[in-house]
Amino acid sequence: MAKKRRPQTQAAQPRTGNTPVPVVGAREPCPCGSGRRYKACHGREASHAAVELVQRPFEGLPGEADWVALRELVPAATVELHLKGGLPEGVPSVTLATVLPMAWPALRRDNGAVLLGLQNDTATGDLSRDLADTLQRALTAEPGTPVAAGRAAADGPRLQDLLDAEAPFEPQVHTGFEFWVENAENATGEVAASLERANAAAIPTVRLAGLDAAYWCETPAKNHLRWVMTVPEEKLLDALARLHAAGTSSLGEGTRLVGSFRAHGLTVPVWDLPSSMGAAETEKPAAALAERLAAALADDSPLTADERRARGGLTSRQVTLN
């Protein structure tokens, strides 16, 4: 279950008295003049000033499972976002991006378009509120400038307050990060070198057609199917246990259900696939598995002894990302 390393961002801006202390790198000297590293001084203050963790920050948004997948699984993807009441004057578009150059929280292009980064560390325990705060600041930023990290007000709006709940959420997965810059094919110098490094580190990933938040990815040893599901965890584990005990939880020869992990309140089952099984070859057996899973979810009878053992095995292999 290989997982990319998420770029790190700076913490929220701490203060000493009424004077703000600039945010710097964790290992740099603290700007307050204490002589200690930032992470051991005012950086510690910022990291400890978190609010209570919101378990499902994307609940209520269209495509909640895809929000989680783009946050945790997908290296390079974008989604057009639709705001309640439409776009402000001078903002031609708002685009969610998995990650931005230099791990910027957001970026306002020269033409006024906004890019909002999803895979950044945030200052509080409510990812939705932090992203909403960044988005609001990006909408009013000067064109051609990045948006720095900040701390959302405890009573500030969340994404659910800003985004149109009736609009579609349609991720576009990319093979690389050319969406970072306009006319990427003409990039030269450090820009071209940065793109090359980022693209080389990205795990090839494909969103399977016809399925919600099911992502195939390629790793050196084997491929994987990682499928984010909004079904309540206990019910989902029961259904997967029924399939596993019946020998029908795989996607065919050489594949197997290896476990699951939790991310942002949702469960993500993971299947190992042979390296010869590409995304196109995965779609049909995954669709058939979805039908078997739907039938198992509709079964409310008590688990058999074999199914309970299967469930215990699945539970023992669970991990939690956040």
C-alpha atoms as a PDB file:
ATOM      1  CA  MET A   1       0.000   0.000   0.000  1.00  0.00           C
ATOM      2  CA  ALA A   2       2.580   2.504  -1.097  1.00  0.00           C
ATOM      3  CA  LYS A   3       1.633   6.048  -0.358  1.00  0.00           C
ATOM      4  CA  LYS A   4       3.258   9.226  -1.569  1.00  0.00           C
ATOM      5  CA  ARG A   5       4.865  11.590   0.893  1.00  0.00           C
ATOM      6  CA  ARG A   6       2.796  14.692   1.382  1.00  0.00           C
ATOM      7  CA  PRO A   7       4.585  18.018   0.945  1.00  0.00           C
ATOM      8  CA  GLN A   8       4.970  19.904   4.201  1.00  0.00           C
ATOM      9  CA  THR A   9       3.673  23.402   4.699  1.00  0.00           C
ATOM     10  CA  GLN A  10       4.325  26.052   7.276  1.00  0.00           C
ATOM     11  CA  ALA A  11       2.338  26.352  10.472  1.00  0.00           C
ATOM     12  CA  ALA A  12      -0.021  29.118  11.412  1.00  0.00           C
ATOM     13  CA  GLN A  13       1.431  32.505  12.410  1.00  0.00           C
ATOM     14  CA  PRO A  14       2.081  32.619  16.166  1.00  0.00           C
ATOM     15  CA  ARG A  15       2.274  35.766  18.250  1.00  0.00           C
ATOM     16  CA  THR A  16       4.245  37.021  21.205  1.00  0.00           C
ATOM     17  CA  GLY A  17       2.272  39.680  23.040  1.00  0.00           C
ATOM     18  CA  ASN A  18       0.668  41.775  20.303  1.00  0.00           C
ATOM     19  CA  THR A  19       3.541  41.311  17.882  1.00  0.00           C
ATOM     20  CA  PRO A  20       3.223  38.571  15.250  1.00  0.00           C
ATOM     21  CA  VAL A  21       6.187  36.236  14.924  1.00  0.00           C
ATOM     22  CA  PRO A  22       6.823  35.393  11.256  1.00  0.00           C
ATOM     23  CA  VAL A  23       6.407  31.774  10.226  1.00  0.00           C
ATOM     24  CA  VAL A  24       9.656  30.084   9.174  1.00  0.00           C
ATOM     25  CA  GLY A  25      10.895  26.539   8.602  1.00  0.00           C
ATOM     26  CA  ALA A  26      10.742  24.164  11.573  1.00  0.00           C
ATOM     27  CA  ARG A  27      14.553  23.899  11.904  1.00  0.00           C
ATOM     28  CA  GLU A  28      15.310  27.588  11.361  1.00  0.00           C
ATOM     29  CA  PRO A  29      16.056  29.963  14.270  1.00  0.00           C
ATOM     30  CA  CYS A  30      12.850  31.350  15.769  1.00  0.00           C
ATOM     31  CA  PRO A  31      12.328  34.969  14.625  1.00  0.00           C
ATOM     32  CA  CYS A  32      11.469  35.978  18.202  1.00  0.00           C
ATOM     33  CA  GLY A  33      15.202  35.984  19.000  1.00  0.00           C
ATOM     34  CA  SER A  34      15.173  33.237  21.614  1.00  0.00           C
ATOM     35  CA  GLY A  35      18.013  31.376  19.914  1.00  0.00           C
ATOM     36  CA  ARG A  36      15.991  28.173  19.718  1.00  0.00           C
ATOM     37  CA  ARG A  37      14.730  26.489  16.593  1.00  0.00           C
ATOM     38  CA  TYR A  38      11.288  27.580  15.488  1.00  0.00           C
ATOM     39  CA  LYS A  39       9.759  24.129  16.084  1.00  0.00           C
ATOM     40  CA  ALA A  40      10.914  24.236  19.742  1.00  0.00           C
ATOM     41  CA  CYS A  41       9.745  27.782  20.307  1.00  0.00           C
ATOM     42  CA  HIS A  42       6.834  29.636  18.693  1.00  0.00           C
ATOM     43  CA  GLY A  43       6.334  26.809  16.199  1.00  0.00           C
ATOM     44  CA  ARG A  44       5.333  24.600  19.147  1.00  0.00           C
ATOM     45  CA  GLU A  45       2.793  27.234  20.221  1.00  0.00           C
ATOM     46  CA  ALA A  46       1.253  27.251  16.750  1.00  0.00           C
ATOM     47  CA  SER A  47       1.106  23.465  16.456  1.00  0.00           C
ATOM     48  CA  HIS A  48      -0.573  23.100  19.863  1.00  0.00           C
ATOM     49  CA  ALA A  49      -3.252  25.706  19.178  1.00  0.00           C
ATOM     50  CA  ALA A  50      -5.435  23.260  17.271  1.00  0.00           C
ATOM     51  CA  VAL A  51      -9.157  22.899  17.679  1.00  0.00           C
ATOM     52  CA  GLU A  52     -10.895  19.567  18.210  1.00  0.00           C
ATOM     53  CA  LEU A  53     -10.378  17.230  15.262  1.00  0.00           C
ATOM     54  CA  VAL A  54     -13.300  17.025  12.838  1.00  0.00           C
ATOM     55  CA  GLN A  55     -13.480  13.349  11.869  1.00  0.00           C
ATOM     56  CA  ARG A  56     -15.279  13.828   8.547  1.00  0.00           C
ATOM     57  CA  PRO A  57     -14.293  17.279   7.284  1.00  0.00           C
ATOM     58  CA  PHE A  58     -15.747  16.721   3.808  1.00  0.00           C
ATOM     59  CA  GLU A  59     -19.091  15.295   4.919  1.00  0.00           C
ATOM     60  CA  GLY A  60     -21.961  16.953   3.073  1.00  0.00           C
ATOM     61  CA  LEU A  61     -19.851  17.986   0.083  1.00  0.00           C
ATOM     62  CA  PRO A  62     -20.495  16.449  -3.337  1.00  0.00           C
ATOM     63  CA  GLY A  63     -17.947  13.685  -3.880  1.00  0.00           C
ATOM     64  CA  GLU A  64     -16.889  13.270  -0.243  1.00  0.00           C
ATOM     65  CA  ALA A  65     -15.075  10.012  -1.043  1.00  0.00           C
ATOM     66  CA  ASP A  66     -13.163  11.655  -3.891  1.00  0.00           C
ATOM     67  CA  TRP A  67     -12.167  14.555  -1.633  1.00  0.00           C
ATOM     68  CA  VAL A  68     -10.590  11.973   0.694  1.00  0.00           C
ATOM     69  CA  ALA A  69      -8.923  10.146  -2.201  1.00  0.00           C
ATOM     70  CA  LEU A  70      -7.423  13.357  -3.588  1.00  0.00           C
ATOM     71  CA  ARG A  71      -6.232  14.329  -0.112  1.00  0.00           C
ATOM     72  CA  GLU A  72      -4.596  10.975   0.702  1.00  0.00           C
ATOM     73  CA  LEU A  73      -4.088   8.816  -2.388  1.00  0.00           C
ATOM     74  CA  VAL A  74      -3.757  10.709  -5.651  1.00  0.00           C
ATOM     75  CA  PRO A  75      -0.521  12.516  -6.544  1.00  0.00           C
ATOM     76  CA  ALA A  76      -1.727  14.780  -9.354  1.00  0.00           C
ATOM     77  CA  ALA A  77      -5.350  15.755  -9.930  1.00  0.00           C
ATOM     78  CA  THR A  78      -7.548  18.814 -10.309  1.00  0.00           C
ATOM     79  CA  VAL A  79     -11.265  19.527  -9.898  1.00  0.00           C
ATOM     80  CA  GLU A  80     -13.206  22.625 -10.915  1.00  0.00           C
ATOM     81  CA  LEU A  81     -14.996  24.052  -7.883  1.00  0.00           C
ATOM     82  CA  HIS A  82     -18.311  25.915  -8.012  1.00  0.00           C
ATOM     83  CA  LEU A  83     -19.054  28.616  -5.459  1.00  0.00           C
ATOM     84  CA  LYS A  84     -22.449  29.494  -4.054  1.00  0.00           C
ATOM     85  CA  GLY A  85     -23.628  32.603  -5.844  1.00  0.00           C
ATOM     86  CA  GLY A  86     -21.069  32.237  -8.617  1.00  0.00           C
ATOM     87  CA  LEU A  87     -17.514  33.510  -9.008  1.00  0.00           C
ATOM     88  CA  PRO A  88     -16.435  36.981  -7.868  1.00  0.00           C
ATOM     89  CA  GLU A  89     -15.580  39.547 -10.517  1.00  0.00           C
ATOM     90  CA  GLY A  90     -12.067  39.045 -11.835  1.00  0.00           C
ATOM     91  CA  VAL A  91     -11.912  35.359 -10.876  1.00  0.00           C
ATOM     92  CA  PRO A  92     -12.471  33.272 -14.025  1.00  0.00           C
ATOM     93  CA  SER A  93     -12.239  29.916 -12.240  1.00  0.00           C
ATOM     94  CA  VAL A  94     -11.495  28.152  -8.955  1.00  0.00           C
ATOM     95  CA  THR A  95      -9.666  24.827  -9.193  1.00  0.00           C
ATOM     96  CA  LEU A  96      -8.865  22.352  -6.439  1.00  0.00           C
ATOM     97  CA  ALA A  97      -5.406  20.809  -6.930  1.00  0.00           C
ATOM     98  CA  THR A  98      -3.910  17.914  -5.008  1.00  0.00           C
ATOM     99  CA  VAL A  99      -0.682  19.835  -4.470  1.00  0.00           C
ATOM    100  CA  LEU A 100       0.850  23.098  -5.657  1.00  0.00           C
ATOM    101  CA  PRO A 101       4.474  24.188  -6.252  1.00  0.00           C
ATOM    102  CA  MET A 102       6.443  24.847  -3.054  1.00  0.00           C
ATOM    103  CA  ALA A 103       3.484  23.318  -1.153  1.00  0.00           C
ATOM    104  CA  TRP A 104       1.680  26.662  -1.395  1.00  0.00           C
ATOM    105  CA  PRO A 105      -1.775  26.528   0.215  1.00  0.00           C
ATOM    106  CA  ALA A 106      -3.200  28.421  -2.761  1.00  0.00           C
ATOM    107  CA  LEU A 107      -2.157  30.415  -5.789  1.00  0.00           C
ATOM    108  CA  ARG A 108      -3.765  33.227  -7.766  1.00  0.00           C
ATOM    109  CA  ARG A 109      -2.652  33.128 -11.369  1.00  0.00           C
ATOM    110  CA  ASP A 110      -1.829  36.215 -13.407  1.00  0.00           C
ATOM    111  CA  ASN A 111      -5.252  35.978 -15.061  1.00  0.00           C
ATOM    112  CA  GLY A 112      -7.018  35.929 -11.676  1.00  0.00           C
ATOM    113  CA  ALA A 113      -7.805  32.209 -11.627  1.00  0.00           C
ATOM    114  CA  VAL A 114      -7.455  30.519  -8.221  1.00  0.00           C
ATOM    115  CA  LEU A 115      -5.767  27.193  -7.472  1.00  0.00           C
ATOM    116  CA  LEU A 116      -6.469  25.713  -4.019  1.00  0.00           C
ATOM    117  CA  GLY A 117      -4.025  23.088  -2.680  1.00  0.00           C
ATOM    118  CA  LEU A 118      -5.525  20.122  -0.839  1.00  0.00           C
ATOM    119  CA  GLN A 119      -2.541  18.101   0.425  1.00  0.00           C
ATOM    120  CA  ASN A 120      -1.150  20.669   2.841  1.00  0.00           C
ATOM    121  CA  ASP A 121      -0.856  20.412   6.597  1.00  0.00           C
ATOM    122  CA  THR A 122      -3.337  22.736   8.252  1.00  0.00           C
ATOM    123  CA  ALA A 123      -3.352  24.809  11.413  1.00  0.00           C
ATOM    124  CA  THR A 124      -6.463  23.451  13.131  1.00  0.00           C
ATOM    125  CA  GLY A 125      -8.359  20.209  13.462  1.00  0.00           C
ATOM    126  CA  ASP A 126     -11.023  21.248  10.943  1.00  0.00           C
ATOM    127  CA  LEU A 127      -9.598  20.742   7.475  1.00  0.00           C
ATOM    128  CA  SER A 128     -12.754  22.086   5.834  1.00  0.00           C
ATOM    129  CA  ARG A 129     -12.580  25.371   7.766  1.00  0.00           C
ATOM    130  CA  ASP A 130      -8.867  25.777   7.056  1.00  0.00           C
ATOM    131  CA  LEU A 131      -9.370  25.215   3.328  1.00  0.00           C
ATOM    132  CA  ALA A 132     -12.303  27.629   3.287  1.00  0.00           C
ATOM    133  CA  ASP A 133     -10.154  30.289   4.941  1.00  0.00           C
ATOM    134  CA  THR A 134      -7.384  29.763   2.382  1.00  0.00           C
ATOM    135  CA  LEU A 135      -9.902  29.913  -0.450  1.00  0.00           C
ATOM    136  CA  GLN A 136     -11.377  33.191   0.775  1.00  0.00           C
ATOM    137  CA  ARG A 137      -7.935  34.768   1.028  1.00  0.00           C
ATOM    138  CA  ALA A 138      -7.023  33.478  -2.433  1.00  0.00           C
ATOM    139  CA  LEU A 139     -10.113  35.084  -3.973  1.00  0.00           C
ATOM    140  CA  THR A 140      -8.890  38.515  -2.876  1.00  0.00           C
ATOM    141  CA  ALA A 141      -5.144  37.989  -3.343  1.00  0.00           C
ATOM    142  CA  GLU A 142      -3.241  39.991  -5.923  1.00  0.00           C
ATOM    143  CA  PRO A 143      -3.098  38.188  -9.280  1.00  0.00           C
ATOM    144  CA  GLY A 144       0.197  36.419  -9.805  1.00  0.00           C
ATOM    145  CA  THR A 145       0.850  35.714  -6.112  1.00  0.00           C
ATOM    146  CA  PRO A 146       0.845  32.622  -3.862  1.00  0.00           C
ATOM    147  CA  VAL A 147      -1.271  32.545  -0.697  1.00  0.00           C
ATOM    148  CA  ALA A 148       0.588  31.917   2.555  1.00  0.00           C
ATOM    149  CA  ALA A 149      -0.480  29.567   5.341  1.00  0.00           C
ATOM    150  CA  GLY A 150      -2.774  31.047   7.977  1.00  0.00           C
ATOM    151  CA  ARG A 151      -5.100  30.170  10.830  1.00  0.00           C
ATOM    152  CA  ALA A 152      -8.841  30.144  10.287  1.00  0.00           C
ATOM    153  CA  ALA A 153     -11.091  31.829  12.805  1.00  0.00           C
ATOM    154  CA  ALA A 154     -12.916  29.368  15.038  1.00  0.00           C
ATOM    155  CA  ASP A 155     -16.254  30.687  13.755  1.00  0.00           C
ATOM    156  CA  GLY A 156     -15.135  31.105  10.151  1.00  0.00           C
ATOM    157  CA  PRO A 157     -16.958  29.475   7.225  1.00  0.00           C
ATOM    158  CA  ARG A 158     -16.286  25.918   6.085  1.00  0.00           C
ATOM    159  CA  LEU A 159     -16.158  24.581   2.533  1.00  0.00           C
ATOM    160  CA  GLN A 160     -19.761  23.449   2.988  1.00  0.00           C
ATOM    161  CA  ASP A 161     -20.702  27.123   3.412  1.00  0.00           C
ATOM    162  CA  LEU A 162     -18.841  28.312   0.317  1.00  0.00           C
ATOM    163  CA  LEU A 163     -19.269  25.585  -2.299  1.00  0.00           C
ATOM    164  CA  ASP A 164     -22.388  24.844  -4.343  1.00  0.00           C
ATOM    165  CA  ALA A 165     -23.739  21.538  -2.996  1.00  0.00           C
ATOM    166  CA  GLU A 166     -25.668  20.913  -6.228  1.00  0.00           C
ATOM    167  CA  ALA A 167     -22.670  21.248  -8.536  1.00  0.00           C
ATOM    168  CA  PRO A 168     -20.789  18.166  -9.797  1.00  0.00           C
ATOM    169  CA  PHE A 169     -17.426  17.163  -8.360  1.00  0.00           C
ATOM    170  CA  GLU A 170     -15.484  15.587 -11.224  1.00  0.00           C
ATOM    171  CA  PRO A 171     -11.794  14.852 -10.546  1.00  0.00           C
ATOM    172  CA  GLN A 172      -9.388  14.889 -13.442  1.00  0.00           C
ATOM    173  CA  VAL A 173      -6.346  12.731 -12.692  1.00  0.00           C
ATOM    174  CA  HIS A 174      -3.127  13.812 -14.402  1.00  0.00           C
ATOM    175  CA  THR A 175       0.020  11.898 -15.235  1.00  0.00           C
ATOM    176  CA  GLY A 176       2.121  14.811 -13.994  1.00  0.00           C
ATOM    177  CA  PHE A 177       2.056  18.321 -12.585  1.00  0.00           C
ATOM    178  CA  GLU A 178       1.984  20.345 -15.784  1.00  0.00           C
ATOM    179  CA  PHE A 179      -1.203  21.981 -14.517  1.00  0.00           C
ATOM    180  CA  TRP A 180       1.029  23.987 -12.178  1.00  0.00           C
ATOM    181  CA  VAL A 181       2.034  26.379 -14.945  1.00  0.00           C
ATOM    182  CA  GLU A 182       0.446  27.753 -18.053  1.00  0.00           C
ATOM    183  CA  ASN A 183       2.128  26.600 -21.284  1.00  0.00           C
ATOM    184  CA  ALA A 184       4.068  23.917 -19.416  1.00  0.00           C
ATOM    185  CA  GLU A 185       5.441  22.580 -22.685  1.00  0.00           C
ATOM    186  CA  ASN A 186       7.492  25.787 -22.991  1.00  0.00           C
ATOM    187  CA  ALA A 187       8.861  25.688 -19.440  1.00  0.00           C
ATOM    188  CA  THR A 188      12.626  26.086 -19.089  1.00  0.00           C
ATOM    189  CA  GLY A 189      15.260  26.374 -16.376  1.00  0.00           C
ATOM    190  CA  GLU A 190      14.262  25.773 -12.753  1.00  0.00           C
ATOM    191  CA  VAL A 191      10.557  25.565 -13.601  1.00  0.00           C
ATOM    192  CA  ALA A 192      11.197  22.711 -16.025  1.00  0.00           C
ATOM    193  CA  ALA A 193      13.535  21.019 -13.548  1.00  0.00           C
ATOM    194  CA  SER A 194      10.953  21.277 -10.731  1.00  0.00           C
ATOM    195  CA  LEU A 195       8.280  19.747 -12.946  1.00  0.00           C
ATOM    196  CA  GLU A 196      10.610  16.919 -13.914  1.00  0.00           C
ATOM    197  CA  ARG A 197      11.407  16.110 -10.276  1.00  0.00           C
ATOM    198  CA  ALA A 198       7.754  16.211  -9.226  1.00  0.00           C
ATOM    199  CA  ASN A 199       6.631  14.056 -12.135  1.00  0.00           C
ATOM    200  CA  ALA A 200       9.333  11.473 -11.427  1.00  0.00           C
ATOM    201  CA  ALA A 201       8.092  11.063  -7.838  1.00  0.00           C
ATOM    202  CA  ALA A 202       4.394  10.682  -8.722  1.00  0.00           C
ATOM    203  CA  ILE A 203       2.850   7.210  -8.477  1.00  0.00           C
ATOM    204  CA  PRO A 204       0.906   6.440 -11.693  1.00  0.00           C
ATOM    205  CA  THR A 205      -2.773   6.576 -10.708  1.00  0.00           C
ATOM    206  CA  VAL A 206      -6.077   6.168 -12.576  1.00  0.00           C
ATOM    207  CA  ARG A 207      -9.637   6.775 -11.394  1.00  0.00           C
ATOM    208  CA  LEU A 208     -11.712   3.790 -12.546  1.00  0.00           C
ATOM    209  CA  ALA A 209     -14.641   4.692 -14.783  1.00  0.00           C
ATOM    210  CA  GLY A 210     -18.153   3.936 -13.583  1.00  0.00           C
ATOM    211  CA  LEU A 211     -17.176   3.564  -9.902  1.00  0.00           C
ATOM    212  CA  ASP A 212     -17.163   6.084  -7.081  1.00  0.00           C
ATOM    213  CA  ALA A 213     -13.711   6.968  -5.742  1.00  0.00           C
ATOM    214  CA  ALA A 214     -11.990   3.752  -6.880  1.00  0.00           C
ATOM    215  CA  TYR A 215      -8.348   4.389  -7.793  1.00  0.00           C
ATOM    216  CA  TRP A 216      -5.880   2.041  -9.454  1.00  0.00           C
ATOM    217  CA  CYS A 217      -2.210   2.750  -8.871  1.00  0.00           C
ATOM    218  CA  GLU A 218       1.082   1.263 -10.041  1.00  0.00           C
ATOM    219  CA  THR A 219       4.028   0.570  -7.759  1.00  0.00           C
ATOM    220  CA  PRO A 220       7.312  -1.227  -8.524  1.00  0.00           C
ATOM    221  CA  ALA A 221       6.423  -4.564  -6.907  1.00  0.00           C
ATOM    222  CA  LYS A 222       2.673  -4.757  -7.562  1.00  0.00           C
ATOM    223  CA  ASN A 223      -0.351  -2.679  -8.416  1.00  0.00           C
ATOM    224  CA  HIS A 224      -3.203  -1.748  -6.091  1.00  0.00           C
ATOM    225  CA  LEU A 225      -6.859  -0.848  -6.085  1.00  0.00           C
ATOM    226  CA  ARG A 226      -7.688   1.621  -3.301  1.00  0.00           C
ATOM    227  CA  TRP A 227     -11.383   2.313  -3.001  1.00  0.00           C
ATOM    228  CA  VAL A 228     -12.739   5.032  -0.703  1.00  0.00           C
ATOM    229  CA  MET A 229     -16.222   4.144   0.558  1.00  0.00           C
ATOM    230  CA  THR A 230     -18.826   6.162   2.438  1.00  0.00           C
ATOM    231  CA  VAL A 231     -20.604   3.069   3.818  1.00  0.00           C
ATOM    232  CA  PRO A 232     -20.499   3.029   7.658  1.00  0.00           C
ATOM    233  CA  GLU A 233     -17.362   1.174   8.720  1.00  0.00           C
ATOM    234  CA  GLU A 234     -18.974  -1.626  10.745  1.00  0.00           C
ATOM    235  CA  LYS A 235     -21.473  -2.401   8.007  1.00  0.00           C
ATOM    236  CA  LEU A 236     -18.769  -2.342   5.348  1.00  0.00           C
ATOM    237  CA  LEU A 237     -16.495  -4.681   7.307  1.00  0.00           C
ATOM    238  CA  ASP A 238     -19.363  -7.123   7.787  1.00  0.00           C
ATOM    239  CA  ALA A 239     -20.040  -7.130   4.047  1.00  0.00           C
ATOM    240  CA  LEU A 240     -16.370  -7.561   3.130  1.00  0.00           C
ATOM    241  CA  ALA A 241     -16.114 -10.400   5.664  1.00  0.00           C
ATOM    242  CA  ARG A 242     -19.058 -12.177   4.012  1.00  0.00           C
ATOM    243  CA  LEU A 243     -17.353 -11.924   0.631  1.00  0.00           C
ATOM    244  CA  HIS A 244     -13.983 -12.957   2.028  1.00  0.00           C
ATOM    245  CA  ALA A 245     -15.381 -16.034   3.765  1.00  0.00           C
ATOM    246  CA  ALA A 246     -17.162 -17.008   0.537  1.00  0.00           C
ATOM    247  CA  GLY A 247     -13.964 -16.591  -1.492  1.00  0.00           C
ATOM    248  CA  THR A 248     -15.438 -13.783  -3.581  1.00  0.00           C
ATOM    249  CA  SER A 249     -13.631 -10.731  -2.190  1.00  0.00           C
ATOM    250  CA  SER A 250     -10.893 -10.687  -4.840  1.00  0.00           C
ATOM    251  CA  LEU A 251     -10.869  -9.277  -8.357  1.00  0.00           C
ATOM    252  CA  GLY A 252      -9.715 -12.491  -9.973  1.00  0.00           C
ATOM    253  CA  GLU A 253      -6.627 -14.680 -10.138  1.00  0.00           C
ATOM    254  CA  GLY A 254      -3.552 -13.164  -8.541  1.00  0.00           C
ATOM    255  CA  THR A 255      -5.524 -10.496  -6.674  1.00  0.00           C
ATOM    256  CA  ARG A 256      -6.533 -10.295  -3.030  1.00  0.00           C
ATOM    257  CA  LEU A 257      -8.154  -8.048  -0.477  1.00  0.00           C
ATOM    258  CA  VAL A 258      -5.287  -7.192   1.866  1.00  0.00           C
ATOM    259  CA  GLY A 259      -7.004  -4.929   4.385  1.00  0.00           C
ATOM    260  CA  SER A 260      -8.185  -1.366   4.767  1.00  0.00           C
ATOM    261  CA  PHE A 261      -7.345   1.942   6.337  1.00  0.00           C
ATOM    262  CA  ARG A 262      -9.345   4.858   7.691  1.00  0.00           C
ATOM    263  CA  ALA A 263      -8.970   8.375   6.351  1.00  0.00           C
ATOM    264  CA  HIS A 264     -11.048  11.419   7.335  1.00  0.00           C
ATOM    265  CA  GLY A 265     -13.804   9.251   8.764  1.00  0.00           C
ATOM    266  CA  LEU A 266     -14.113   6.934   5.749  1.00  0.00           C
ATOM    267  CA  THR A 267     -12.905   3.376   5.175  1.00  0.00           C
ATOM    268  CA  VAL A 268     -10.597   2.543   2.272  1.00  0.00           C
ATOM    269  CA  PRO A 269     -10.318  -1.168   1.377  1.00  0.00           C
ATOM    270  CA  VAL A 270      -7.159  -2.093  -0.542  1.00  0.00           C
ATOM    271  CA  TRP A 271      -6.585  -4.893  -3.030  1.00  0.00           C
ATOM    272  CA  ASP A 272      -3.213  -6.165  -4.256  1.00  0.00           C
ATOM    273  CA  LEU A 273      -3.070  -6.690  -8.015  1.00  0.00           C
ATOM    274  CA  PRO A 274      -0.401  -8.326 -10.181  1.00  0.00           C
ATOM    275  CA  SER A 275       1.896  -5.866 -11.952  1.00  0.00           C
ATOM    276  CA  SER A 276       0.487  -7.092 -15.263  1.00  0.00           C
ATOM    277  CA  MET A 277      -3.027  -5.900 -14.341  1.00  0.00           C
ATOM    278  CA  GLY A 278      -3.512  -2.340 -15.534  1.00  0.00           C
ATOM    279  CA  ALA A 279      -6.319   0.100 -14.885  1.00  0.00           C
ATOM    280  CA  ALA A 280      -8.302  -0.976 -17.942  1.00  0.00           C
ATOM    281  CA  GLU A 281      -8.104  -4.641 -16.890  1.00  0.00           C
ATOM    282  CA  THR A 282      -9.256  -3.723 -13.388  1.00  0.00           C
ATOM    283  CA  GLU A 283     -12.469  -1.902 -14.302  1.00  0.00           C
ATOM    284  CA  LYS A 284     -14.635  -4.894 -15.261  1.00  0.00           C
ATOM    285  CA  PRO A 285     -13.790  -7.132 -12.260  1.00  0.00           C
ATOM    286  CA  ALA A 286     -14.111  -4.091  -9.954  1.00  0.00           C
ATOM    287  CA  ALA A 287     -17.602  -3.423 -11.297  1.00  0.00           C
ATOM    288  CA  ALA A 288     -18.528  -7.072 -10.685  1.00  0.00           C
ATOM    289  CA  LEU A 289     -17.127  -6.818  -7.160  1.00  0.00           C
ATOM    290  CA  ALA A 290     -19.259  -3.724  -6.575  1.00  0.00           C
ATOM    291  CA  GLU A 291     -22.368  -5.782  -7.383  1.00  0.00           C
ATOM    292  CA  ARG A 292     -21.332  -8.558  -4.979  1.00  0.00           C
ATOM    293  CA  LEU A 293     -20.581  -5.989  -2.301  1.00  0.00           C
ATOM    294  CA  ALA A 294     -23.978  -4.347  -2.730  1.00  0.00           C
ATOM    295  CA  ALA A 295     -25.661  -7.708  -2.190  1.00  0.00           C
ATOM    296  CA  ALA A 296     -23.533  -8.387   0.903  1.00  0.00           C
ATOM    297  CA  LEU A 297     -24.381  -4.946   2.308  1.00  0.00           C
ATOM    298  CA  ALA A 298     -28.079  -5.762   1.953  1.00  0.00           C
ATOM    299  CA  ASP A 299     -27.650  -8.948   4.023  1.00  0.00           C
ATOM    300  CA  ASP A 300     -28.571  -8.243   7.661  1.00  0.00           C
ATOM    301  CA  SER A 301     -28.296 -11.817   8.936  1.00  0.00           C
ATOM    302  CA  PRO A 302     -25.789 -12.573  11.729  1.00  0.00           C
ATOM    303  CA  LEU A 303     -22.256 -13.406  10.609  1.00  0.00           C
ATOM    304  CA  THR A 304     -21.327 -17.082  10.548  1.00  0.00           C
ATOM    305  CA  ALA A 305     -18.296 -18.387  12.406  1.00  0.00           C
ATOM    306  CA  ASP A 306     -16.205 -18.273   9.214  1.00  0.00           C
ATOM    307  CA  GLU A 307     -17.391 -14.742   8.486  1.00  0.00           C
ATOM    308  CA  ARG A 308     -16.525 -13.601  11.998  1.00  0.00           C
ATOM    309  CA  ARG A 309     -13.007 -15.021  11.601  1.00  0.00           C
ATOM    310  CA  ALA A 310     -12.693 -13.238   8.258  1.00  0.00           C
ATOM    311  CA  ARG A 311     -13.864 -10.010   9.843  1.00  0.00           C
ATOM    312  CA  GLY A 312     -11.337 -10.358  12.650  1.00  0.00           C
ATOM    313  CA  GLY A 313      -8.585 -10.721  10.078  1.00  0.00           C
ATOM    314  CA  LEU A 314      -9.707  -7.621   8.206  1.00  0.00           C
ATOM    315  CA  THR A 315      -9.966  -5.604  11.410  1.00  0.00           C
ATOM    316  CA  SER A 316      -6.494  -6.637  12.570  1.00  0.00           C
ATOM    317  CA  ARG A 317      -5.009  -5.230   9.368  1.00  0.00           C
ATOM    318  CA  GLN A 318      -6.657  -1.812   9.643  1.00  0.00           C
ATOM    319  CA  VAL A 319      -4.667   1.342  10.094  1.00  0.00           C
ATOM    320  CA  THR A 320      -5.777   4.938  10.576  1.00  0.00           C
ATOM    321  CA  LEU A 321      -4.170   7.771   8.648  1.00  0.00           C
ATOM    322  CA  ASN A 322      -5.902  10.598  10.458  1.00  0.00           C
END
